[in-house]
N, C-alpha and C. Protein backbone atom coordinates (compact mmCIF):
# COMPACT_ATOMS: atom_id res chain seq x y z
N MET A 1 -20.67 -199.86 64.96
CA MET A 1 -20.85 -198.66 65.74
C MET A 1 -19.65 -198.43 66.64
N GLY A 2 -19.19 -197.24 66.73
CA GLY A 2 -18.05 -196.94 67.58
C GLY A 2 -18.43 -196.02 68.71
N ALA A 3 -17.43 -195.64 69.51
CA ALA A 3 -17.68 -194.76 70.65
C ALA A 3 -18.26 -193.43 70.21
N ASP A 4 -17.95 -193.02 68.95
CA ASP A 4 -18.49 -191.76 68.45
C ASP A 4 -20.00 -191.79 68.33
N ASP A 5 -20.60 -192.97 68.28
CA ASP A 5 -22.04 -193.09 68.14
C ASP A 5 -22.78 -193.02 69.47
N VAL A 6 -22.04 -192.95 70.57
CA VAL A 6 -22.64 -192.88 71.89
C VAL A 6 -22.99 -191.42 72.17
N PRO A 7 -24.22 -191.16 72.58
CA PRO A 7 -24.59 -189.77 72.84
C PRO A 7 -23.79 -189.20 74.00
N ALA A 8 -23.13 -188.06 73.77
CA ALA A 8 -22.36 -187.42 74.83
C ALA A 8 -23.32 -186.63 75.72
N LEU A 9 -23.18 -186.81 77.01
CA LEU A 9 -24.06 -186.14 77.96
C LEU A 9 -23.23 -185.30 78.92
N ALA A 10 -23.69 -184.11 79.16
CA ALA A 10 -23.05 -183.23 80.14
C ALA A 10 -23.68 -183.48 81.50
N LEU A 11 -22.86 -183.49 82.52
CA LEU A 11 -23.35 -183.70 83.88
C LEU A 11 -24.38 -182.64 84.26
N GLU A 12 -24.20 -181.43 83.77
CA GLU A 12 -25.15 -180.35 84.06
C GLU A 12 -26.54 -180.69 83.51
N ALA A 13 -26.58 -181.23 82.30
CA ALA A 13 -27.87 -181.60 81.70
C ALA A 13 -28.51 -182.75 82.48
N ILE A 14 -27.70 -183.68 82.91
CA ILE A 14 -28.20 -184.80 83.70
C ILE A 14 -28.80 -184.28 84.99
N ASN A 15 -28.12 -183.36 85.64
CA ASN A 15 -28.60 -182.82 86.91
C ASN A 15 -29.85 -181.95 86.75
N ARG A 16 -30.02 -181.31 85.60
CA ARG A 16 -31.20 -180.47 85.35
C ARG A 16 -32.43 -181.30 85.00
N ALA A 17 -32.23 -182.51 84.57
CA ALA A 17 -33.34 -183.33 84.08
C ALA A 17 -34.28 -183.77 85.21
N ASN A 18 -35.57 -183.79 84.88
CA ASN A 18 -36.52 -184.39 85.81
C ASN A 18 -36.39 -185.91 85.69
N ALA A 19 -37.18 -186.65 86.44
CA ALA A 19 -37.05 -188.11 86.45
C ALA A 19 -37.27 -188.71 85.06
N ASP A 20 -38.24 -188.18 84.31
CA ASP A 20 -38.49 -188.70 82.96
C ASP A 20 -37.31 -188.42 82.03
N GLY A 21 -36.79 -187.21 82.09
CA GLY A 21 -35.66 -186.85 81.24
C GLY A 21 -34.41 -187.63 81.60
N PHE A 22 -34.18 -187.78 82.88
CA PHE A 22 -33.03 -188.56 83.37
C PHE A 22 -33.12 -190.00 82.87
N THR A 23 -34.33 -190.56 82.98
CA THR A 23 -34.54 -191.94 82.52
C THR A 23 -34.36 -192.03 81.00
N ALA A 24 -34.81 -191.03 80.27
CA ALA A 24 -34.63 -191.03 78.82
C ALA A 24 -33.15 -190.96 78.45
N MET A 25 -32.37 -190.21 79.21
CA MET A 25 -30.94 -190.07 78.92
C MET A 25 -30.13 -191.30 79.31
N LEU A 26 -30.49 -191.93 80.44
CA LEU A 26 -29.63 -192.96 81.01
C LEU A 26 -30.30 -194.30 81.26
N GLY A 27 -31.56 -194.41 81.00
CA GLY A 27 -32.27 -195.66 81.29
C GLY A 27 -31.74 -196.87 80.56
N ASP A 28 -31.20 -196.65 79.37
CA ASP A 28 -30.72 -197.79 78.59
C ASP A 28 -29.38 -198.35 79.06
N VAL A 29 -28.73 -197.71 80.03
CA VAL A 29 -27.50 -198.32 80.56
C VAL A 29 -27.83 -199.57 81.36
N PHE A 30 -29.07 -199.67 81.81
CA PHE A 30 -29.57 -200.87 82.49
C PHE A 30 -30.32 -201.69 81.44
N GLU A 31 -29.71 -202.70 80.93
CA GLU A 31 -30.24 -203.49 79.81
C GLU A 31 -31.71 -203.84 80.02
N GLY A 32 -32.58 -203.23 79.21
CA GLY A 32 -34.00 -203.55 79.24
C GLY A 32 -34.70 -203.22 80.55
N SER A 33 -34.09 -202.39 81.39
CA SER A 33 -34.66 -202.11 82.72
C SER A 33 -34.48 -200.63 83.09
N PRO A 34 -35.07 -199.71 82.33
CA PRO A 34 -34.85 -198.29 82.58
C PRO A 34 -35.34 -197.79 83.94
N TRP A 35 -36.20 -198.54 84.56
CA TRP A 35 -36.72 -198.09 85.86
C TRP A 35 -35.62 -198.01 86.92
N PHE A 36 -34.51 -198.74 86.72
CA PHE A 36 -33.38 -198.60 87.65
C PHE A 36 -32.84 -197.17 87.61
N ALA A 37 -32.74 -196.60 86.42
CA ALA A 37 -32.26 -195.22 86.30
C ALA A 37 -33.22 -194.25 86.98
N ARG A 38 -34.52 -194.50 86.80
CA ARG A 38 -35.52 -193.63 87.46
C ARG A 38 -35.28 -193.62 88.98
N ARG A 39 -34.98 -194.77 89.53
CA ARG A 39 -34.69 -194.84 90.97
C ARG A 39 -33.44 -194.06 91.33
N ALA A 40 -32.44 -194.10 90.48
CA ALA A 40 -31.17 -193.42 90.77
C ALA A 40 -31.32 -191.91 90.73
N HIS A 41 -32.29 -191.42 89.99
CA HIS A 41 -32.50 -189.97 89.85
C HIS A 41 -32.65 -189.30 91.22
N ARG A 42 -33.27 -189.98 92.14
CA ARG A 42 -33.54 -189.37 93.46
C ARG A 42 -32.26 -189.12 94.25
N HIS A 43 -31.14 -189.70 93.82
CA HIS A 43 -29.87 -189.50 94.52
C HIS A 43 -29.09 -188.29 94.02
N GLY A 44 -29.64 -187.58 93.04
CA GLY A 44 -28.96 -186.41 92.48
C GLY A 44 -29.20 -185.18 93.33
N PRO A 45 -28.59 -184.07 93.02
CA PRO A 45 -27.69 -183.85 91.89
C PRO A 45 -26.34 -184.55 92.12
N PHE A 46 -25.65 -184.77 91.01
CA PHE A 46 -24.40 -185.53 91.02
C PHE A 46 -23.23 -184.57 90.82
N THR A 47 -22.27 -184.64 91.70
CA THR A 47 -21.12 -183.73 91.66
C THR A 47 -20.06 -184.16 90.64
N SER A 48 -20.15 -185.40 90.19
CA SER A 48 -19.17 -185.92 89.23
C SER A 48 -19.74 -187.17 88.57
N GLY A 49 -19.05 -187.60 87.54
CA GLY A 49 -19.43 -188.86 86.91
C GLY A 49 -19.32 -190.02 87.88
N ALA A 50 -18.31 -189.97 88.73
CA ALA A 50 -18.14 -191.03 89.73
C ALA A 50 -19.32 -191.07 90.70
N ALA A 51 -19.83 -189.88 91.08
CA ALA A 51 -20.99 -189.83 91.97
C ALA A 51 -22.23 -190.41 91.28
N LEU A 52 -22.37 -190.12 90.00
CA LEU A 52 -23.49 -190.68 89.23
C LEU A 52 -23.37 -192.20 89.17
N ILE A 53 -22.19 -192.70 88.90
CA ILE A 53 -21.97 -194.15 88.85
C ILE A 53 -22.28 -194.78 90.20
N ARG A 54 -21.84 -194.14 91.29
CA ARG A 54 -22.15 -194.68 92.63
C ARG A 54 -23.66 -194.75 92.86
N ALA A 55 -24.38 -193.73 92.43
CA ALA A 55 -25.84 -193.73 92.59
C ALA A 55 -26.47 -194.85 91.77
N MET A 56 -25.99 -195.03 90.56
CA MET A 56 -26.54 -196.08 89.71
C MET A 56 -26.25 -197.47 90.28
N THR A 57 -25.06 -197.68 90.78
CA THR A 57 -24.75 -199.00 91.35
C THR A 57 -25.44 -199.18 92.70
N ARG A 58 -25.70 -198.10 93.39
CA ARG A 58 -26.43 -198.20 94.66
C ARG A 58 -27.83 -198.77 94.45
N VAL A 59 -28.51 -198.32 93.39
CA VAL A 59 -29.86 -198.86 93.15
C VAL A 59 -29.80 -200.34 92.79
N LEU A 60 -28.70 -200.78 92.20
CA LEU A 60 -28.54 -202.22 91.95
C LEU A 60 -28.46 -202.98 93.27
N GLU A 61 -27.66 -202.44 94.19
CA GLU A 61 -27.48 -203.09 95.49
C GLU A 61 -28.78 -203.11 96.29
N GLU A 62 -29.59 -202.07 96.16
CA GLU A 62 -30.83 -201.95 96.94
C GLU A 62 -31.99 -202.75 96.34
N ALA A 63 -31.84 -203.23 95.13
CA ALA A 63 -32.92 -203.94 94.45
C ALA A 63 -33.23 -205.27 95.14
N SER A 64 -34.46 -205.68 95.03
CA SER A 64 -34.85 -206.98 95.58
C SER A 64 -34.25 -208.09 94.73
N GLY A 65 -34.26 -209.29 95.25
CA GLY A 65 -33.77 -210.44 94.50
C GLY A 65 -34.53 -210.64 93.21
N GLU A 66 -35.83 -210.45 93.24
CA GLU A 66 -36.66 -210.59 92.03
C GLU A 66 -36.30 -209.52 91.01
N GLU A 67 -36.07 -208.28 91.46
CA GLU A 67 -35.69 -207.20 90.55
C GLU A 67 -34.33 -207.47 89.92
N LYS A 68 -33.40 -207.96 90.71
CA LYS A 68 -32.07 -208.29 90.19
C LYS A 68 -32.16 -209.39 89.14
N LEU A 69 -32.95 -210.40 89.43
CA LEU A 69 -33.11 -211.50 88.49
C LEU A 69 -33.73 -211.01 87.18
N GLY A 70 -34.70 -210.12 87.27
CA GLY A 70 -35.31 -209.55 86.07
C GLY A 70 -34.30 -208.78 85.24
N LEU A 71 -33.44 -208.01 85.89
CA LEU A 71 -32.41 -207.26 85.19
C LEU A 71 -31.42 -208.20 84.52
N ILE A 72 -30.99 -209.22 85.23
CA ILE A 72 -30.05 -210.19 84.65
C ILE A 72 -30.69 -210.86 83.44
N ARG A 73 -31.93 -211.26 83.56
CA ARG A 73 -32.62 -211.95 82.46
C ARG A 73 -32.87 -211.03 81.26
N ALA A 74 -32.81 -209.72 81.45
CA ALA A 74 -32.99 -208.79 80.33
C ALA A 74 -31.76 -208.73 79.44
N HIS A 75 -30.63 -209.26 79.90
CA HIS A 75 -29.40 -209.24 79.10
C HIS A 75 -29.44 -210.33 78.03
N PRO A 76 -28.86 -210.03 76.88
CA PRO A 76 -28.82 -211.03 75.81
C PRO A 76 -27.74 -212.07 76.06
N ASP A 77 -27.89 -213.22 75.43
CA ASP A 77 -26.82 -214.21 75.45
C ASP A 77 -25.61 -213.65 74.72
N LEU A 78 -24.44 -214.00 75.19
CA LEU A 78 -23.23 -213.59 74.49
C LEU A 78 -23.13 -214.32 73.17
N ALA A 79 -22.89 -213.56 72.11
CA ALA A 79 -22.74 -214.13 70.77
C ALA A 79 -23.92 -215.02 70.41
N GLY A 80 -25.07 -214.70 70.92
CA GLY A 80 -26.26 -215.53 70.69
C GLY A 80 -26.95 -215.21 69.38
N LYS A 81 -28.12 -215.77 69.24
CA LYS A 81 -28.88 -215.60 68.00
C LYS A 81 -29.23 -214.13 67.75
N ALA A 82 -29.54 -213.39 68.81
CA ALA A 82 -29.86 -211.97 68.63
C ALA A 82 -28.65 -211.21 68.09
N ALA A 83 -27.47 -211.56 68.57
CA ALA A 83 -26.26 -210.90 68.08
C ALA A 83 -26.03 -211.23 66.62
N ARG A 84 -26.19 -212.49 66.26
CA ARG A 84 -26.00 -212.90 64.86
C ARG A 84 -27.04 -212.22 63.95
N ALA A 85 -28.23 -212.00 64.47
CA ALA A 85 -29.28 -211.35 63.69
C ALA A 85 -29.17 -209.82 63.75
N ARG A 86 -28.15 -209.33 64.46
CA ARG A 86 -27.94 -207.88 64.65
C ARG A 86 -29.18 -207.24 65.28
N ASP A 87 -29.69 -207.91 66.31
CA ASP A 87 -30.90 -207.46 66.99
C ASP A 87 -30.61 -207.18 68.47
N LEU A 88 -29.49 -206.50 68.73
CA LEU A 88 -29.11 -206.14 70.09
C LEU A 88 -29.24 -204.63 70.27
N GLU A 89 -29.32 -204.21 71.51
CA GLU A 89 -29.26 -202.79 71.82
C GLU A 89 -27.89 -202.26 71.40
N PRO A 90 -27.79 -200.98 71.04
CA PRO A 90 -26.51 -200.44 70.58
C PRO A 90 -25.34 -200.67 71.54
N ASP A 91 -25.57 -200.49 72.85
CA ASP A 91 -24.47 -200.72 73.80
C ASP A 91 -24.01 -202.17 73.76
N SER A 92 -24.94 -203.10 73.74
CA SER A 92 -24.58 -204.52 73.70
C SER A 92 -23.84 -204.86 72.41
N THR A 93 -24.28 -204.27 71.31
CA THR A 93 -23.60 -204.51 70.03
C THR A 93 -22.14 -204.07 70.11
N ARG A 94 -21.90 -202.85 70.61
CA ARG A 94 -20.52 -202.33 70.74
C ARG A 94 -19.70 -203.20 71.68
N GLU A 95 -20.30 -203.56 72.80
CA GLU A 95 -19.57 -204.34 73.80
C GLU A 95 -19.19 -205.72 73.26
N GLN A 96 -20.13 -206.41 72.65
CA GLN A 96 -19.82 -207.73 72.12
C GLN A 96 -18.78 -207.63 70.99
N ALA A 97 -18.86 -206.58 70.18
CA ALA A 97 -17.88 -206.39 69.11
C ALA A 97 -16.49 -206.13 69.69
N SER A 98 -16.42 -205.46 70.84
CA SER A 98 -15.11 -205.13 71.43
C SER A 98 -14.30 -206.37 71.78
N ALA A 99 -14.98 -207.48 72.01
CA ALA A 99 -14.29 -208.74 72.32
C ALA A 99 -14.28 -209.70 71.14
N GLY A 100 -14.73 -209.22 69.98
CA GLY A 100 -14.72 -210.06 68.79
C GLY A 100 -15.88 -211.04 68.70
N LEU A 101 -16.88 -210.87 69.54
CA LEU A 101 -18.00 -211.81 69.55
C LEU A 101 -18.89 -211.67 68.31
N ASP A 102 -18.70 -210.59 67.57
CA ASP A 102 -19.45 -210.40 66.33
C ASP A 102 -18.75 -211.02 65.12
N ARG A 103 -17.57 -211.59 65.36
CA ARG A 103 -16.78 -212.15 64.26
C ARG A 103 -16.37 -213.60 64.55
N LEU A 104 -17.22 -214.35 65.22
CA LEU A 104 -16.89 -215.72 65.59
C LEU A 104 -16.90 -216.65 64.38
N SER A 105 -16.00 -217.60 64.42
CA SER A 105 -16.06 -218.68 63.43
C SER A 105 -17.30 -219.51 63.73
N ASP A 106 -17.68 -220.36 62.80
CA ASP A 106 -18.82 -221.24 63.05
C ASP A 106 -18.57 -222.14 64.25
N ALA A 107 -17.33 -222.61 64.42
CA ALA A 107 -16.99 -223.48 65.56
C ALA A 107 -17.12 -222.73 66.88
N ASP A 108 -16.64 -221.47 66.92
CA ASP A 108 -16.75 -220.69 68.14
C ASP A 108 -18.21 -220.32 68.42
N PHE A 109 -18.98 -220.05 67.38
CA PHE A 109 -20.40 -219.76 67.55
C PHE A 109 -21.10 -220.98 68.17
N THR A 110 -20.78 -222.16 67.67
CA THR A 110 -21.37 -223.39 68.21
C THR A 110 -20.97 -223.58 69.66
N LEU A 111 -19.71 -223.28 70.00
CA LEU A 111 -19.24 -223.36 71.39
C LEU A 111 -20.04 -222.41 72.27
N PHE A 112 -20.21 -221.17 71.84
CA PHE A 112 -20.97 -220.21 72.63
C PHE A 112 -22.43 -220.64 72.80
N MET A 113 -23.02 -221.19 71.78
CA MET A 113 -24.40 -221.67 71.89
C MET A 113 -24.49 -222.77 72.95
N ASP A 114 -23.51 -223.67 72.96
CA ASP A 114 -23.50 -224.75 73.96
C ASP A 114 -23.28 -224.19 75.36
N LEU A 115 -22.31 -223.28 75.52
CA LEU A 115 -22.06 -222.69 76.83
C LEU A 115 -23.27 -221.90 77.32
N ASN A 116 -23.88 -221.11 76.45
CA ASN A 116 -25.08 -220.35 76.82
C ASN A 116 -26.20 -221.29 77.27
N ARG A 117 -26.42 -222.36 76.52
CA ARG A 117 -27.48 -223.31 76.86
C ARG A 117 -27.22 -223.96 78.21
N ARG A 118 -26.01 -224.45 78.41
CA ARG A 118 -25.67 -225.12 79.67
C ARG A 118 -25.79 -224.16 80.86
N TYR A 119 -25.34 -222.95 80.68
CA TYR A 119 -25.40 -221.96 81.75
C TYR A 119 -26.86 -221.64 82.10
N ARG A 120 -27.67 -221.37 81.09
CA ARG A 120 -29.09 -221.06 81.34
C ARG A 120 -29.81 -222.23 81.99
N GLU A 121 -29.52 -223.44 81.55
CA GLU A 121 -30.15 -224.62 82.16
C GLU A 121 -29.78 -224.75 83.63
N LYS A 122 -28.55 -224.46 83.97
CA LYS A 122 -28.09 -224.60 85.35
C LYS A 122 -28.59 -223.47 86.25
N PHE A 123 -28.53 -222.22 85.74
CA PHE A 123 -28.80 -221.08 86.61
C PHE A 123 -30.13 -220.37 86.35
N GLY A 124 -30.72 -220.57 85.19
CA GLY A 124 -31.99 -219.92 84.89
C GLY A 124 -31.89 -218.49 84.41
N PHE A 125 -30.70 -218.06 84.08
CA PHE A 125 -30.48 -216.72 83.54
C PHE A 125 -29.23 -216.74 82.67
N PRO A 126 -29.05 -215.70 81.83
CA PRO A 126 -27.90 -215.70 80.93
C PRO A 126 -26.59 -215.40 81.66
N PHE A 127 -25.52 -215.86 81.07
CA PHE A 127 -24.17 -215.57 81.55
C PHE A 127 -23.89 -214.09 81.33
N ILE A 128 -23.50 -213.39 82.40
CA ILE A 128 -23.22 -211.96 82.32
C ILE A 128 -21.75 -211.75 82.65
N ILE A 129 -21.08 -211.02 81.77
CA ILE A 129 -19.69 -210.64 82.00
C ILE A 129 -19.47 -209.29 81.32
N ALA A 130 -18.67 -208.46 81.92
CA ALA A 130 -18.34 -207.16 81.33
C ALA A 130 -17.33 -207.42 80.21
N VAL A 131 -17.82 -207.66 79.01
CA VAL A 131 -16.97 -208.12 77.92
C VAL A 131 -15.87 -207.12 77.56
N ARG A 132 -16.07 -205.84 77.83
CA ARG A 132 -15.02 -204.86 77.51
C ARG A 132 -13.75 -205.10 78.32
N ASP A 133 -13.87 -205.82 79.41
CA ASP A 133 -12.71 -206.13 80.25
C ASP A 133 -12.04 -207.44 79.84
N HIS A 134 -12.50 -208.06 78.76
CA HIS A 134 -12.07 -209.42 78.43
C HIS A 134 -11.72 -209.59 76.96
N THR A 135 -11.07 -210.71 76.71
CA THR A 135 -10.81 -211.18 75.35
C THR A 135 -11.73 -212.37 75.11
N LEU A 136 -11.77 -212.82 73.88
CA LEU A 136 -12.57 -214.00 73.56
C LEU A 136 -12.15 -215.18 74.42
N ASP A 137 -10.85 -215.40 74.54
CA ASP A 137 -10.35 -216.53 75.32
C ASP A 137 -10.69 -216.40 76.81
N SER A 138 -10.57 -215.20 77.37
CA SER A 138 -10.87 -215.05 78.80
C SER A 138 -12.37 -215.18 79.07
N ILE A 139 -13.20 -214.82 78.10
CA ILE A 139 -14.65 -215.01 78.26
C ILE A 139 -14.98 -216.50 78.28
N ILE A 140 -14.40 -217.25 77.36
CA ILE A 140 -14.64 -218.70 77.32
C ILE A 140 -14.15 -219.35 78.61
N GLU A 141 -12.97 -218.93 79.09
CA GLU A 141 -12.43 -219.49 80.34
C GLU A 141 -13.36 -219.17 81.50
N ALA A 142 -13.87 -217.94 81.57
CA ALA A 142 -14.78 -217.56 82.65
C ALA A 142 -16.09 -218.33 82.57
N PHE A 143 -16.60 -218.50 81.36
CA PHE A 143 -17.81 -219.30 81.15
C PHE A 143 -17.62 -220.69 81.76
N ARG A 144 -16.54 -221.35 81.38
CA ARG A 144 -16.30 -222.71 81.84
C ARG A 144 -16.11 -222.77 83.35
N ARG A 145 -15.35 -221.83 83.90
CA ARG A 145 -15.11 -221.81 85.35
C ARG A 145 -16.40 -221.56 86.11
N ARG A 146 -17.19 -220.60 85.63
CA ARG A 146 -18.41 -220.22 86.35
C ARG A 146 -19.51 -221.27 86.23
N LEU A 147 -19.45 -222.12 85.24
CA LEU A 147 -20.41 -223.23 85.17
C LEU A 147 -20.28 -224.16 86.38
N GLY A 148 -19.13 -224.12 87.06
CA GLY A 148 -18.94 -224.93 88.26
C GLY A 148 -19.41 -224.26 89.54
N SER A 149 -19.92 -223.05 89.44
CA SER A 149 -20.39 -222.29 90.61
C SER A 149 -21.76 -222.76 91.07
N ASP A 150 -22.14 -222.27 92.23
CA ASP A 150 -23.49 -222.50 92.74
C ASP A 150 -24.36 -221.28 92.38
N PRO A 151 -25.69 -221.44 92.40
CA PRO A 151 -26.58 -220.35 91.98
C PRO A 151 -26.39 -219.04 92.75
N GLN A 152 -26.20 -219.11 94.06
CA GLN A 152 -26.03 -217.89 94.85
C GLN A 152 -24.77 -217.14 94.44
N THR A 153 -23.68 -217.86 94.24
CA THR A 153 -22.43 -217.25 93.81
C THR A 153 -22.60 -216.62 92.43
N GLU A 154 -23.28 -217.32 91.54
CA GLU A 154 -23.46 -216.81 90.18
C GLU A 154 -24.36 -215.60 90.14
N MET A 155 -25.37 -215.55 90.98
CA MET A 155 -26.22 -214.36 91.04
C MET A 155 -25.37 -213.16 91.46
N ALA A 156 -24.54 -213.35 92.48
CA ALA A 156 -23.66 -212.26 92.93
C ALA A 156 -22.67 -211.87 91.84
N GLU A 157 -22.11 -212.85 91.16
CA GLU A 157 -21.15 -212.58 90.08
C GLU A 157 -21.83 -211.84 88.93
N ALA A 158 -23.03 -212.26 88.58
CA ALA A 158 -23.77 -211.59 87.51
C ALA A 158 -24.05 -210.14 87.88
N MET A 159 -24.47 -209.89 89.11
CA MET A 159 -24.77 -208.52 89.53
C MET A 159 -23.50 -207.67 89.59
N ALA A 160 -22.38 -208.24 90.01
CA ALA A 160 -21.12 -207.49 90.00
C ALA A 160 -20.77 -207.09 88.57
N ASN A 161 -20.99 -207.99 87.63
CA ASN A 161 -20.71 -207.68 86.23
C ASN A 161 -21.70 -206.68 85.67
N VAL A 162 -22.97 -206.76 86.07
CA VAL A 162 -23.95 -205.76 85.64
C VAL A 162 -23.49 -204.38 86.14
N GLY A 163 -23.05 -204.30 87.38
CA GLY A 163 -22.55 -203.04 87.92
C GLY A 163 -21.37 -202.51 87.11
N ARG A 164 -20.48 -203.37 86.73
CA ARG A 164 -19.33 -202.97 85.91
C ARG A 164 -19.80 -202.49 84.53
N ILE A 165 -20.73 -203.21 83.92
CA ILE A 165 -21.26 -202.81 82.62
C ILE A 165 -21.91 -201.43 82.70
N VAL A 166 -22.74 -201.22 83.71
CA VAL A 166 -23.40 -199.93 83.90
C VAL A 166 -22.36 -198.83 84.09
N SER A 167 -21.35 -199.09 84.90
CA SER A 167 -20.29 -198.10 85.15
C SER A 167 -19.56 -197.73 83.86
N LEU A 168 -19.22 -198.73 83.06
CA LEU A 168 -18.53 -198.46 81.79
C LEU A 168 -19.42 -197.68 80.83
N ARG A 169 -20.68 -198.02 80.78
CA ARG A 169 -21.60 -197.33 79.88
C ARG A 169 -21.76 -195.86 80.28
N ILE A 170 -21.90 -195.61 81.57
CA ILE A 170 -22.06 -194.23 82.03
C ILE A 170 -20.78 -193.44 81.78
N ALA A 171 -19.65 -194.02 82.12
CA ALA A 171 -18.36 -193.33 81.92
C ALA A 171 -18.19 -192.98 80.44
N GLU A 172 -18.59 -193.88 79.55
CA GLU A 172 -18.50 -193.62 78.12
C GLU A 172 -19.41 -192.46 77.72
N ARG A 173 -20.58 -192.42 78.30
CA ARG A 173 -21.56 -191.39 77.93
C ARG A 173 -21.13 -189.99 78.37
N ILE A 174 -20.52 -189.93 79.55
CA ILE A 174 -20.18 -188.58 80.05
C ILE A 174 -18.70 -188.26 79.87
N GLY A 175 -18.00 -189.15 79.16
CA GLY A 175 -16.62 -188.87 78.79
C GLY A 175 -15.61 -188.99 79.90
N GLU A 176 -15.87 -189.85 80.86
CA GLU A 176 -14.90 -190.06 81.94
C GLU A 176 -14.22 -191.41 81.79
């Protein structure tokens, strides 16, 4: 799937939408957690794509710790079993493919399975990184470095990356 497969949305249509329509258009930018988009709707109308992105990231910042953890846990493992089975959301499929995670050798797949397991065991949630900003090597380096972090730092790092992922997804949708 390429960028051409992403539904193009006009800011005017987004601003005209009621909460249900807004959530239908943009809810999937929050992996498995469309209710975040519903919350962002109340911050409209949006004067630009940047204003929409600010509203979406604002609801991330305002979320409770439990809500943030739920959102983080809704993300798939990088290059995990769901990816190999081609059972990811379209955005996740495109993002993981952009860093070559859909074309791993068996050795790299085994490495990712080990890193994913160790990370989940330590922190209780999947490793989150905005893969579009990275290469395969930089993802592996970040995985290894972040395994040395403490849980509070990793929660903050995961949420910062979720914000970046949401921003990239929205910018792609509205052509900014």
